[in-house]
Amino acid sequence: MQTKTIQPIHVLYFETRTSFKEIFQYVRVEARKLYQDAVGNDLEITGPVYWIYNGADGNADTVFSLTIALPVTPPAHPIDSKYRLKTLDTFQCINEELYGNWDGLINTYGSLFGQIMSQNLRPSGQNREIYLNMDFENPDRNITEVQIGILQ
């Protein structure tokens, strides 16, 4: 297992408090709106969409902070948007890629948390999912990078 340092990333983002029981209202909705807003504001999109979970513990009822973020080049001009801009902090993590259906996320998280425990690492409370390829018609073609934040 290797730790990874993700450098700061400038993003256009949506943020809310939700639970896993309520999260599906944002799937295929907010990311699409972020892309449309970025294009409408002539922002250069620099990477895939991120879903960032702060305080999620896997329990369906636990309320946590969800950030859906789209990497963009910082604009040289003010933008007209309901979304905000910020820079994500440097992020220490371990990661694993999931190839296929998102039903496999539970196993990916289990593997990563198993590695964290076996190496006596401490999770930071932030997890990220980076959607490298999303194929809603053929979910076996999905590619998702899961990052579990760790404290150094």
C-alpha atoms as a PDB file:
ATOM      1  CA  MET A   1       0.000   0.000   0.000  1.00  0.00           C
ATOM      2  CA  GLN A   2       1.223   3.447  -0.883  1.00  0.00           C
ATOM      3  CA  THR A   3       0.031   6.809   0.350  1.00  0.00           C
ATOM      4  CA  LYS A   4      -0.656   9.494  -2.205  1.00  0.00           C
ATOM      5  CA  THR A   5      -0.577  13.288  -1.978  1.00  0.00           C
ATOM      6  CA  ILE A   6      -3.147  15.113  -4.076  1.00  0.00           C
ATOM      7  CA  GLN A   7      -2.097  18.694  -4.725  1.00  0.00           C
ATOM      8  CA  PRO A   8      -4.602  21.565  -4.356  1.00  0.00           C
ATOM      9  CA  ILE A   9      -7.302  21.603  -7.042  1.00  0.00           C
ATOM     10  CA  HIS A  10      -9.375  24.632  -8.050  1.00  0.00           C
ATOM     11  CA  VAL A  11     -13.058  23.705  -8.437  1.00  0.00           C
ATOM     12  CA  LEU A  12     -16.549  24.932  -9.164  1.00  0.00           C
ATOM     13  CA  TYR A  13     -18.683  23.224  -6.536  1.00  0.00           C
ATOM     14  CA  PHE A  14     -22.047  22.402  -4.985  1.00  0.00           C
ATOM     15  CA  GLU A  15     -22.242  21.662  -1.266  1.00  0.00           C
ATOM     16  CA  THR A  16     -24.994  20.320   0.982  1.00  0.00           C
ATOM     17  CA  ARG A  17     -25.695  18.284   4.104  1.00  0.00           C
ATOM     18  CA  THR A  18     -27.272  14.911   3.356  1.00  0.00           C
ATOM     19  CA  SER A  19     -27.278  11.216   4.264  1.00  0.00           C
ATOM     20  CA  PHE A  20     -26.835   8.098   2.143  1.00  0.00           C
ATOM     21  CA  LYS A  21     -30.588   7.587   2.471  1.00  0.00           C
ATOM     22  CA  GLU A  22     -31.176  10.995   0.815  1.00  0.00           C
ATOM     23  CA  ILE A  23     -28.163  11.235  -1.528  1.00  0.00           C
ATOM     24  CA  PHE A  24     -29.796   9.902  -4.694  1.00  0.00           C
ATOM     25  CA  GLN A  25     -31.559  13.211  -5.324  1.00  0.00           C
ATOM     26  CA  TYR A  26     -28.136  14.593  -6.361  1.00  0.00           C
ATOM     27  CA  VAL A  27     -27.044  11.715  -8.623  1.00  0.00           C
ATOM     28  CA  ARG A  28     -27.068  12.719 -12.314  1.00  0.00           C
ATOM     29  CA  VAL A  29     -28.394  16.139 -11.318  1.00  0.00           C
ATOM     30  CA  GLU A  30     -25.806  18.418  -9.696  1.00  0.00           C
ATOM     31  CA  ALA A  31     -22.789  17.218 -11.695  1.00  0.00           C
ATOM     32  CA  ARG A  32     -24.659  17.853 -14.952  1.00  0.00           C
ATOM     33  CA  LYS A  33     -25.592  21.349 -13.749  1.00  0.00           C
ATOM     34  CA  LEU A  34     -21.978  22.029 -12.754  1.00  0.00           C
ATOM     35  CA  TYR A  35     -20.784  21.106 -16.261  1.00  0.00           C
ATOM     36  CA  GLN A  36     -23.467  23.293 -17.849  1.00  0.00           C
ATOM     37  CA  ASP A  37     -22.614  26.201 -15.560  1.00  0.00           C
ATOM     38  CA  ALA A  38     -18.881  25.882 -16.245  1.00  0.00           C
ATOM     39  CA  VAL A  39     -19.456  25.929 -20.000  1.00  0.00           C
ATOM     40  CA  GLY A  40     -21.926  28.806 -19.704  1.00  0.00           C
ATOM     41  CA  ASN A  41     -19.324  30.824 -17.803  1.00  0.00           C
ATOM     42  CA  ASP A  42     -16.575  29.936 -20.293  1.00  0.00           C
ATOM     43  CA  LEU A  43     -14.579  28.089 -17.608  1.00  0.00           C
ATOM     44  CA  GLU A  44     -11.936  25.616 -18.706  1.00  0.00           C
ATOM     45  CA  ILE A  45     -12.827  22.192 -17.251  1.00  0.00           C
ATOM     46  CA  THR A  46      -9.612  20.503 -16.132  1.00  0.00           C
ATOM     47  CA  GLY A  47     -10.702  17.135 -14.766  1.00  0.00           C
ATOM     48  CA  PRO A  48     -13.508  14.705 -13.892  1.00  0.00           C
ATOM     49  CA  VAL A  49     -16.187  15.329 -11.286  1.00  0.00           C
ATOM     50  CA  TYR A  50     -15.394  14.661  -7.610  1.00  0.00           C
ATOM     51  CA  TRP A  51     -17.813  13.613  -4.880  1.00  0.00           C
ATOM     52  CA  ILE A  52     -16.299  14.517  -1.515  1.00  0.00           C
ATOM     53  CA  TYR A  53     -17.727  13.115   1.700  1.00  0.00           C
ATOM     54  CA  ASN A  54     -16.873  14.715   5.068  1.00  0.00           C
ATOM     55  CA  GLY A  55     -18.102  12.864   8.129  1.00  0.00           C
ATOM     56  CA  ALA A  56     -19.781   9.953   6.310  1.00  0.00           C
ATOM     57  CA  ASP A  57     -19.542   6.705   8.275  1.00  0.00           C
ATOM     58  CA  GLY A  58     -21.423   4.330   5.973  1.00  0.00           C
ATOM     59  CA  ASN A  59     -24.616   4.444   8.059  1.00  0.00           C
ATOM     60  CA  ALA A  60     -27.615   5.323   5.862  1.00  0.00           C
ATOM     61  CA  ASP A  61     -29.005   7.816   8.409  1.00  0.00           C
ATOM     62  CA  THR A  62     -25.806   9.690   9.324  1.00  0.00           C
ATOM     63  CA  VAL A  63     -25.901  13.266   8.058  1.00  0.00           C
ATOM     64  CA  PHE A  64     -22.619  14.420   6.483  1.00  0.00           C
ATOM     65  CA  SER A  65     -21.275  17.152   4.235  1.00  0.00           C
ATOM     66  CA  LEU A  66     -21.315  16.347   0.515  1.00  0.00           C
ATOM     67  CA  THR A  67     -19.360  18.417  -1.980  1.00  0.00           C
ATOM     68  CA  ILE A  68     -19.726  17.756  -5.699  1.00  0.00           C
ATOM     69  CA  ALA A  69     -16.817  19.490  -7.391  1.00  0.00           C
ATOM     70  CA  LEU A  70     -15.702  20.054 -10.964  1.00  0.00           C
ATOM     71  CA  PRO A  71     -12.036  21.023 -11.485  1.00  0.00           C
ATOM     72  CA  VAL A  72     -11.694  24.254 -13.474  1.00  0.00           C
ATOM     73  CA  THR A  73      -9.003  26.792 -14.271  1.00  0.00           C
ATOM     74  CA  PRO A  74      -9.445  29.831 -12.008  1.00  0.00           C
ATOM     75  CA  PRO A  75     -11.337  32.426 -14.059  1.00  0.00           C
ATOM     76  CA  ALA A  76      -9.774  35.749 -14.959  1.00  0.00           C
ATOM     77  CA  HIS A  77     -13.190  37.402 -14.684  1.00  0.00           C
ATOM     78  CA  PRO A  78     -16.159  37.242 -12.284  1.00  0.00           C
ATOM     79  CA  ILE A  79     -18.656  34.520 -13.116  1.00  0.00           C
ATOM     80  CA  ASP A  80     -22.455  34.560 -13.018  1.00  0.00           C
ATOM     81  CA  SER A  81     -23.261  31.346 -11.167  1.00  0.00           C
ATOM     82  CA  LYS A  82     -25.299  29.878  -8.340  1.00  0.00           C
ATOM     83  CA  TYR A  83     -22.218  27.729  -7.667  1.00  0.00           C
ATOM     84  CA  ARG A  84     -19.057  28.835  -5.914  1.00  0.00           C
ATOM     85  CA  LEU A  85     -15.350  28.531  -6.611  1.00  0.00           C
ATOM     86  CA  LYS A  86     -12.683  27.341  -4.187  1.00  0.00           C
ATOM     87  CA  THR A  87      -9.412  25.471  -4.007  1.00  0.00           C
ATOM     88  CA  LEU A  88      -9.453  22.025  -2.411  1.00  0.00           C
ATOM     89  CA  ASP A  89      -6.653  21.604   0.120  1.00  0.00           C
ATOM     90  CA  THR A  90      -3.729  19.218  -0.286  1.00  0.00           C
ATOM     91  CA  PHE A  91      -5.073  15.732   0.446  1.00  0.00           C
ATOM     92  CA  GLN A  92      -3.159  12.749   1.860  1.00  0.00           C
ATOM     93  CA  CYS A  93      -4.850   9.462   1.009  1.00  0.00           C
ATOM     94  CA  ILE A  94      -4.708   5.866  -0.005  1.00  0.00           C
ATOM     95  CA  ASN A  95      -6.600   4.978  -3.138  1.00  0.00           C
ATOM     96  CA  GLU A  96      -7.977   2.184  -5.260  1.00  0.00           C
ATOM     97  CA  GLU A  97      -9.720   2.177  -8.622  1.00  0.00           C
ATOM     98  CA  LEU A  98     -13.016   0.408  -9.125  1.00  0.00           C
ATOM     99  CA  TYR A  99     -13.639  -0.868 -12.635  1.00  0.00           C
ATOM    100  CA  GLY A 100     -17.323  -1.574 -13.122  1.00  0.00           C
ATOM    101  CA  ASN A 101     -20.649  -1.182 -11.413  1.00  0.00           C
ATOM    102  CA  TRP A 102     -20.859   1.090  -8.382  1.00  0.00           C
ATOM    103  CA  ASP A 103     -22.331  -1.824  -6.429  1.00  0.00           C
ATOM    104  CA  GLY A 104     -18.650  -2.716  -5.967  1.00  0.00           C
ATOM    105  CA  LEU A 105     -17.953   0.456  -3.980  1.00  0.00           C
ATOM    106  CA  ILE A 106     -18.695  -1.289  -0.685  1.00  0.00           C
ATOM    107  CA  ASN A 107     -15.929  -3.817  -1.374  1.00  0.00           C
ATOM    108  CA  THR A 108     -13.518  -1.085  -2.467  1.00  0.00           C
ATOM    109  CA  TYR A 109     -14.124   0.874   0.732  1.00  0.00           C
ATOM    110  CA  GLY A 110     -13.792  -2.337   2.772  1.00  0.00           C
ATOM    111  CA  SER A 111     -10.441  -3.092   1.154  1.00  0.00           C
ATOM    112  CA  LEU A 112      -9.140   0.429   1.746  1.00  0.00           C
ATOM    113  CA  PHE A 113     -10.256   0.575   5.390  1.00  0.00           C
ATOM    114  CA  GLY A 114      -8.715  -2.871   5.904  1.00  0.00           C
ATOM    115  CA  GLN A 115      -5.414  -1.486   4.614  1.00  0.00           C
ATOM    116  CA  ILE A 116      -5.731   1.544   6.897  1.00  0.00           C
ATOM    117  CA  MET A 117      -6.248  -0.696   9.942  1.00  0.00           C
ATOM    118  CA  SER A 118      -3.436  -3.104   9.032  1.00  0.00           C
ATOM    119  CA  GLN A 119      -0.983  -0.213   8.623  1.00  0.00           C
ATOM    120  CA  ASN A 120      -2.156   1.594  11.805  1.00  0.00           C
ATOM    121  CA  LEU A 121      -3.110   4.697   9.834  1.00  0.00           C
ATOM    122  CA  ARG A 122      -5.740   7.166  10.975  1.00  0.00           C
ATOM    123  CA  PRO A 123      -8.548   8.156   8.590  1.00  0.00           C
ATOM    124  CA  SER A 124      -9.090  11.910   8.247  1.00  0.00           C
ATOM    125  CA  GLY A 125     -12.885  11.681   7.922  1.00  0.00           C
ATOM    126  CA  GLN A 126     -12.836  12.790   4.278  1.00  0.00           C
ATOM    127  CA  ASN A 127     -13.336  10.392   1.389  1.00  0.00           C
ATOM    128  CA  ARG A 128     -13.374  11.227  -2.294  1.00  0.00           C
ATOM    129  CA  GLU A 129     -14.776   9.479  -5.326  1.00  0.00           C
ATOM    130  CA  ILE A 130     -13.453  10.640  -8.678  1.00  0.00           C
ATOM    131  CA  TYR A 131     -15.628   9.549 -11.578  1.00  0.00           C
ATOM    132  CA  LEU A 132     -13.076   8.927 -14.346  1.00  0.00           C
ATOM    133  CA  ASN A 133     -15.688   7.341 -16.619  1.00  0.00           C
ATOM    134  CA  MET A 134     -19.438   7.147 -16.060  1.00  0.00           C
ATOM    135  CA  ASP A 135     -21.510   4.914 -18.294  1.00  0.00           C
ATOM    136  CA  PHE A 136     -25.118   4.806 -17.136  1.00  0.00           C
ATOM    137  CA  GLU A 137     -26.144   2.477 -19.981  1.00  0.00           C
ATOM    138  CA  ASN A 138     -23.291  -0.002 -19.379  1.00  0.00           C
ATOM    139  CA  PRO A 139     -22.228   0.340 -15.712  1.00  0.00           C
ATOM    140  CA  ASP A 140     -19.550  -2.331 -16.115  1.00  0.00           C
ATOM    141  CA  ARG A 141     -17.603   0.346 -18.040  1.00  0.00           C
ATOM    142  CA  ASN A 142     -17.493   2.752 -15.073  1.00  0.00           C
ATOM    143  CA  ILE A 143     -14.084   3.728 -13.715  1.00  0.00           C
ATOM    144  CA  THR A 144     -14.080   5.289 -10.247  1.00  0.00           C
ATOM    145  CA  GLU A 145     -11.090   6.211  -8.120  1.00  0.00           C
ATOM    146  CA  VAL A 146     -11.837   5.983  -4.401  1.00  0.00           C
ATOM    147  CA  GLN A 147      -9.568   7.989  -2.093  1.00  0.00           C
ATOM    148  CA  ILE A 148      -9.663   7.647   1.704  1.00  0.00           C
ATOM    149  CA  GLY A 149      -8.067  10.576   3.500  1.00  0.00           C
ATOM    150  CA  ILE A 150      -5.440   9.760   6.108  1.00  0.00           C
ATOM    151  CA  LEU A 151      -3.774  11.839   8.786  1.00  0.00           C
ATOM    152  CA  GLN A 152       0.000  11.993   8.676  1.00  0.00           C
END
